[in-house]
Amino acid sequence: MKLNIRLLVTSLIFCALTPISYAAKYVKDDESVEIENAKISLIEAITIAEKSNPGKAFKAKFKNSKHGLIYEIEIAEKGKAIEIKVDAATGSIITSKDVTKEHDRK
């Protein structure tokens, strides 16, 4: 009986840790440091993007670009897809463009 309990506890611990190790494979160390150094959070960037355009955010990415660290937020608005780039340091909108045609090709 004790062996079954130990096996169960070991299995539960393994199952709990697996998603963490799986996710760690796909996040580079540099990216996690960059995300931690961003002054604007993802939630704040989405809020900024949604306030600048009517609609709802449906996709968001954090990346390093020629403008520095940015969030790319895509907003669905009346059958359109609008991509808004938000500066991760200042929260200002860098660009806003219609990317509906890009989504239609997919």
N, C-alpha and C. Protein backbone atom coordinates (compact mmCIF):
# COMPACT_ATOMS: atom_id res chain seq x y z
N MET A 1 0.81 -1.19 0.00
CA MET A 1 0.00 0.00 0.00
C MET A 1 0.87 1.26 0.00
N LYS A 2 1.93 1.29 0.81
CA LYS A 2 2.82 2.44 0.85
C LYS A 2 3.49 2.65 -0.50
N LEU A 3 3.81 1.58 -1.19
CA LEU A 3 4.43 1.68 -2.51
C LEU A 3 3.47 2.35 -3.49
N ASN A 4 2.20 2.02 -3.44
CA ASN A 4 1.21 2.63 -4.33
C ASN A 4 1.06 4.13 -4.05
N ILE A 5 1.09 4.51 -2.79
CA ILE A 5 0.98 5.91 -2.43
C ILE A 5 2.21 6.67 -2.91
N ARG A 6 3.40 6.08 -2.73
CA ARG A 6 4.62 6.73 -3.20
C ARG A 6 4.60 6.88 -4.72
N LEU A 7 4.15 5.86 -5.39
CA LEU A 7 4.06 5.91 -6.86
C LEU A 7 3.08 6.99 -7.30
N LEU A 8 1.96 7.08 -6.61
CA LEU A 8 0.96 8.09 -6.93
C LEU A 8 1.51 9.50 -6.71
N VAL A 9 2.17 9.72 -5.58
CA VAL A 9 2.74 11.04 -5.27
C VAL A 9 3.83 11.39 -6.29
N THR A 10 4.69 10.46 -6.62
CA THR A 10 5.74 10.69 -7.60
C THR A 10 5.14 11.03 -8.96
N SER A 11 4.11 10.31 -9.35
CA SER A 11 3.44 10.57 -10.63
C SER A 11 2.81 11.95 -10.65
N LEU A 12 2.18 12.36 -9.55
CA LEU A 12 1.56 13.68 -9.48
C LEU A 12 2.60 14.79 -9.58
N ILE A 13 3.71 14.62 -8.92
CA ILE A 13 4.78 15.62 -8.99
C ILE A 13 5.32 15.71 -10.41
N PHE A 14 5.54 14.57 -11.03
CA PHE A 14 6.03 14.55 -12.41
C PHE A 14 5.05 15.27 -13.34
N CYS A 15 3.77 14.97 -13.19
CA CYS A 15 2.74 15.61 -14.03
C CYS A 15 2.67 17.12 -13.80
N ALA A 16 2.88 17.53 -12.58
CA ALA A 16 2.83 18.95 -12.27
C ALA A 16 4.02 19.70 -12.86
N LEU A 17 5.18 19.08 -12.93
CA LEU A 17 6.39 19.74 -13.40
C LEU A 17 6.57 19.65 -14.92
N THR A 18 5.92 18.72 -15.57
CA THR A 18 6.09 18.54 -17.01
C THR A 18 5.75 19.78 -17.82
N PRO A 19 4.61 20.46 -17.59
CA PRO A 19 4.33 21.66 -18.39
C PRO A 19 5.37 22.75 -18.22
N ILE A 20 5.95 22.88 -17.05
CA ILE A 20 6.96 23.90 -16.81
C ILE A 20 8.21 23.61 -17.63
N SER A 21 8.67 22.37 -17.62
CA SER A 21 9.86 22.04 -18.38
C SER A 21 9.58 22.09 -19.88
N TYR A 22 8.37 21.74 -20.29
CA TYR A 22 7.99 21.80 -21.70
C TYR A 22 7.99 23.24 -22.18
N ALA A 23 7.41 24.15 -21.41
CA ALA A 23 7.35 25.57 -21.78
C ALA A 23 8.75 26.17 -21.80
N ALA A 24 9.60 25.75 -20.89
CA ALA A 24 10.95 26.31 -20.81
C ALA A 24 11.75 26.03 -22.07
N LYS A 25 11.45 24.94 -22.78
CA LYS A 25 12.14 24.64 -24.01
C LYS A 25 11.88 25.69 -25.08
N TYR A 26 10.72 26.29 -25.05
CA TYR A 26 10.31 27.20 -26.11
C TYR A 26 10.49 28.67 -25.79
N VAL A 27 10.96 28.99 -24.62
CA VAL A 27 11.24 30.38 -24.26
C VAL A 27 12.75 30.51 -24.08
N LYS A 28 13.36 31.31 -24.92
CA LYS A 28 14.80 31.51 -24.81
C LYS A 28 15.08 32.34 -23.57
N ASP A 29 16.24 32.13 -22.98
CA ASP A 29 16.61 32.90 -21.79
C ASP A 29 16.61 34.39 -22.06
N ASP A 30 17.10 34.79 -23.24
CA ASP A 30 17.14 36.21 -23.58
C ASP A 30 15.74 36.80 -23.63
N GLU A 31 14.77 36.04 -24.19
CA GLU A 31 13.40 36.53 -24.29
C GLU A 31 12.79 36.75 -22.91
N SER A 32 13.03 35.83 -22.00
CA SER A 32 12.44 35.99 -20.67
C SER A 32 13.02 37.21 -19.96
N VAL A 33 14.29 37.48 -20.15
CA VAL A 33 14.92 38.67 -19.56
C VAL A 33 14.33 39.92 -20.20
N GLU A 34 14.13 39.91 -21.52
CA GLU A 34 13.55 41.06 -22.21
C GLU A 34 12.14 41.33 -21.72
N ILE A 35 11.35 40.28 -21.57
CA ILE A 35 9.97 40.44 -21.09
C ILE A 35 9.97 41.03 -19.69
N GLU A 36 10.85 40.56 -18.83
CA GLU A 36 10.92 41.08 -17.47
C GLU A 36 11.34 42.54 -17.46
N ASN A 37 12.13 42.97 -18.44
CA ASN A 37 12.61 44.35 -18.49
C ASN A 37 11.63 45.31 -19.15
N ALA A 38 10.59 44.79 -19.79
CA ALA A 38 9.59 45.65 -20.43
C ALA A 38 8.85 46.44 -19.35
N LYS A 39 8.72 47.72 -19.54
CA LYS A 39 8.04 48.56 -18.56
C LYS A 39 6.52 48.44 -18.68
N ILE A 40 6.04 48.10 -19.87
CA ILE A 40 4.61 47.93 -20.13
C ILE A 40 4.31 46.44 -20.19
N SER A 41 3.29 46.00 -19.46
CA SER A 41 2.93 44.58 -19.48
C SER A 41 2.09 44.26 -20.71
N LEU A 42 1.93 43.00 -20.99
CA LEU A 42 1.10 42.57 -22.12
C LEU A 42 -0.33 43.06 -21.94
N ILE A 43 -0.86 42.95 -20.74
CA ILE A 43 -2.23 43.41 -20.46
C ILE A 43 -2.36 44.90 -20.74
N GLU A 44 -1.37 45.68 -20.31
CA GLU A 44 -1.40 47.12 -20.56
C GLU A 44 -1.33 47.42 -22.05
N ALA A 45 -0.49 46.68 -22.78
CA ALA A 45 -0.37 46.88 -24.22
C ALA A 45 -1.68 46.57 -24.94
N ILE A 46 -2.35 45.49 -24.53
CA ILE A 46 -3.64 45.15 -25.13
C ILE A 46 -4.66 46.24 -24.84
N THR A 47 -4.68 46.75 -23.62
CA THR A 47 -5.61 47.82 -23.25
C THR A 47 -5.34 49.07 -24.10
N ILE A 48 -4.09 49.42 -24.29
CA ILE A 48 -3.72 50.58 -25.11
C ILE A 48 -4.20 50.38 -26.55
N ALA A 49 -3.97 49.19 -27.10
CA ALA A 49 -4.37 48.90 -28.48
C ALA A 49 -5.89 48.94 -28.63
N GLU A 50 -6.61 48.34 -27.68
CA GLU A 50 -8.07 48.32 -27.77
C GLU A 50 -8.68 49.72 -27.60
N LYS A 51 -8.02 50.58 -26.82
CA LYS A 51 -8.52 51.95 -26.67
C LYS A 51 -8.29 52.78 -27.93
N SER A 52 -7.26 52.42 -28.70
CA SER A 52 -6.94 53.19 -29.90
C SER A 52 -7.84 52.82 -31.08
N ASN A 53 -8.43 51.63 -31.06
CA ASN A 53 -9.32 51.14 -32.12
C ASN A 53 -10.48 50.40 -31.50
N PRO A 54 -11.67 50.53 -32.08
CA PRO A 54 -12.77 49.70 -31.57
C PRO A 54 -12.49 48.24 -31.94
N GLY A 55 -13.03 47.32 -31.21
CA GLY A 55 -12.80 45.90 -31.47
C GLY A 55 -12.13 45.22 -30.29
N LYS A 56 -11.82 43.96 -30.48
CA LYS A 56 -11.22 43.15 -29.42
C LYS A 56 -9.92 42.52 -29.91
N ALA A 57 -8.94 42.46 -29.04
CA ALA A 57 -7.67 41.81 -29.35
C ALA A 57 -7.87 40.32 -29.46
N PHE A 58 -7.26 39.72 -30.49
CA PHE A 58 -7.35 38.27 -30.65
C PHE A 58 -5.99 37.61 -30.80
N LYS A 59 -4.94 38.41 -30.91
CA LYS A 59 -3.59 37.85 -31.05
C LYS A 59 -2.60 38.88 -30.51
N ALA A 60 -1.58 38.40 -29.80
CA ALA A 60 -0.56 39.30 -29.28
C ALA A 60 0.79 38.61 -29.28
N LYS A 61 1.83 39.37 -29.63
CA LYS A 61 3.19 38.84 -29.64
C LYS A 61 4.12 39.87 -29.01
N PHE A 62 5.14 39.38 -28.34
CA PHE A 62 6.20 40.22 -27.81
C PHE A 62 7.43 39.95 -28.65
N LYS A 63 8.07 41.01 -29.15
CA LYS A 63 9.26 40.77 -29.96
C LYS A 63 10.22 41.93 -29.93
N ASN A 64 11.41 41.67 -30.40
CA ASN A 64 12.43 42.69 -30.53
C ASN A 64 12.43 43.11 -31.99
N SER A 65 12.28 44.40 -32.24
CA SER A 65 12.24 44.90 -33.61
C SER A 65 13.23 46.04 -33.76
N LYS A 66 13.21 46.66 -34.94
CA LYS A 66 14.11 47.80 -35.15
C LYS A 66 13.73 48.98 -34.26
N HIS A 67 12.50 48.98 -33.74
CA HIS A 67 12.04 50.01 -32.82
C HIS A 67 12.38 49.67 -31.37
N GLY A 68 12.95 48.52 -31.13
CA GLY A 68 13.22 48.04 -29.77
C GLY A 68 12.20 46.97 -29.39
N LEU A 69 11.94 46.82 -28.11
CA LEU A 69 10.98 45.82 -27.64
C LEU A 69 9.57 46.32 -27.89
N ILE A 70 8.76 45.50 -28.54
CA ILE A 70 7.39 45.91 -28.87
C ILE A 70 6.42 44.76 -28.64
N TYR A 71 5.16 45.12 -28.56
CA TYR A 71 4.07 44.17 -28.58
C TYR A 71 3.34 44.36 -29.91
N GLU A 72 3.07 43.28 -30.62
CA GLU A 72 2.22 43.33 -31.81
C GLU A 72 0.87 42.79 -31.40
N ILE A 73 -0.14 43.64 -31.43
CA ILE A 73 -1.48 43.27 -31.02
C ILE A 73 -2.36 43.31 -32.26
N GLU A 74 -3.13 42.24 -32.49
CA GLU A 74 -4.09 42.23 -33.59
C GLU A 74 -5.49 42.34 -33.02
N ILE A 75 -6.27 43.23 -33.62
CA ILE A 75 -7.62 43.51 -33.15
C ILE A 75 -8.61 43.19 -34.26
N ALA A 76 -9.68 42.49 -33.91
CA ALA A 76 -10.76 42.21 -34.84
C ALA A 76 -11.78 43.33 -34.72
N GLU A 77 -12.08 43.92 -35.88
CA GLU A 77 -13.00 45.06 -35.89
C GLU A 77 -13.87 44.99 -37.15
N LYS A 78 -15.14 44.64 -36.99
CA LYS A 78 -16.12 44.61 -38.09
C LYS A 78 -15.57 43.90 -39.32
N GLY A 79 -15.08 42.68 -39.17
CA GLY A 79 -14.57 41.90 -40.29
C GLY A 79 -13.17 42.28 -40.74
N LYS A 80 -12.52 43.17 -40.04
CA LYS A 80 -11.16 43.58 -40.35
C LYS A 80 -10.21 43.08 -39.27
N ALA A 81 -8.95 42.98 -39.64
CA ALA A 81 -7.90 42.68 -38.67
C ALA A 81 -6.92 43.85 -38.69
N ILE A 82 -6.76 44.49 -37.57
CA ILE A 82 -5.87 45.65 -37.44
C ILE A 82 -4.68 45.25 -36.56
N GLU A 83 -3.46 45.47 -37.06
CA GLU A 83 -2.26 45.19 -36.28
C GLU A 83 -1.74 46.50 -35.69
N ILE A 84 -1.58 46.51 -34.39
CA ILE A 84 -1.09 47.69 -33.69
C ILE A 84 0.20 47.31 -32.97
N LYS A 85 1.24 48.08 -33.20
CA LYS A 85 2.51 47.85 -32.52
C LYS A 85 2.65 48.86 -31.39
N VAL A 86 2.85 48.32 -30.18
CA VAL A 86 2.95 49.15 -28.98
C VAL A 86 4.37 49.04 -28.41
N ASP A 87 4.99 50.17 -28.15
CA ASP A 87 6.33 50.21 -27.58
C ASP A 87 6.28 49.66 -26.15
N ALA A 88 7.09 48.64 -25.86
CA ALA A 88 7.08 47.99 -24.54
C ALA A 88 7.72 48.85 -23.45
N ALA A 89 8.43 49.88 -23.84
CA ALA A 89 9.07 50.75 -22.84
C ALA A 89 8.19 51.95 -22.49
N THR A 90 7.49 52.51 -23.49
CA THR A 90 6.75 53.74 -23.25
C THR A 90 5.23 53.57 -23.30
N GLY A 91 4.76 52.53 -23.98
CA GLY A 91 3.32 52.33 -24.14
C GLY A 91 2.74 53.11 -25.31
N SER A 92 3.60 53.78 -26.06
CA SER A 92 3.10 54.55 -27.21
C SER A 92 2.88 53.62 -28.40
N ILE A 93 1.94 54.02 -29.25
CA ILE A 93 1.64 53.24 -30.45
C ILE A 93 2.65 53.62 -31.52
N ILE A 94 3.33 52.63 -32.06
CA ILE A 94 4.35 52.86 -33.09
C ILE A 94 3.69 52.89 -34.46
N THR A 95 2.91 51.86 -34.77
CA THR A 95 2.20 51.79 -36.05
C THR A 95 0.85 51.11 -35.85
N SER A 96 0.00 51.35 -36.82
CA SER A 96 -1.31 50.71 -36.85
C SER A 96 -1.63 50.47 -38.32
N LYS A 97 -1.93 49.20 -38.69
CA LYS A 97 -2.22 48.94 -40.10
C LYS A 97 -3.25 47.82 -40.25
N ASP A 98 -3.94 47.85 -41.36
CA ASP A 98 -4.93 46.84 -41.69
C ASP A 98 -4.21 45.61 -42.24
N VAL A 99 -4.39 44.46 -41.60
CA VAL A 99 -3.75 43.21 -42.05
C VAL A 99 -4.80 42.17 -42.45
N THR A 100 -5.99 42.63 -42.82
CA THR A 100 -7.08 41.73 -43.18
C THR A 100 -6.68 40.84 -44.36
N LYS A 101 -6.04 41.42 -45.37
CA LYS A 101 -5.66 40.64 -46.56
C LYS A 101 -4.68 39.53 -46.20
N GLU A 102 -3.79 39.79 -45.26
CA GLU A 102 -2.84 38.76 -44.82
C GLU A 102 -3.56 37.59 -44.19
N HIS A 103 -4.63 37.86 -43.45
CA HIS A 103 -5.40 36.79 -42.82
C HIS A 103 -6.25 36.04 -43.83
N ASP A 104 -6.69 36.73 -44.87
CA ASP A 104 -7.50 36.09 -45.90
C ASP A 104 -6.68 35.06 -46.69
N ARG A 105 -5.38 35.29 -46.82
CA ARG A 105 -4.51 34.36 -47.55
C ARG A 105 -4.25 33.07 -46.77
N LYS A 106 -4.41 33.12 -45.48
CA LYS A 106 -4.09 31.95 -44.64
C LYS A 106 -5.17 30.91 -44.68
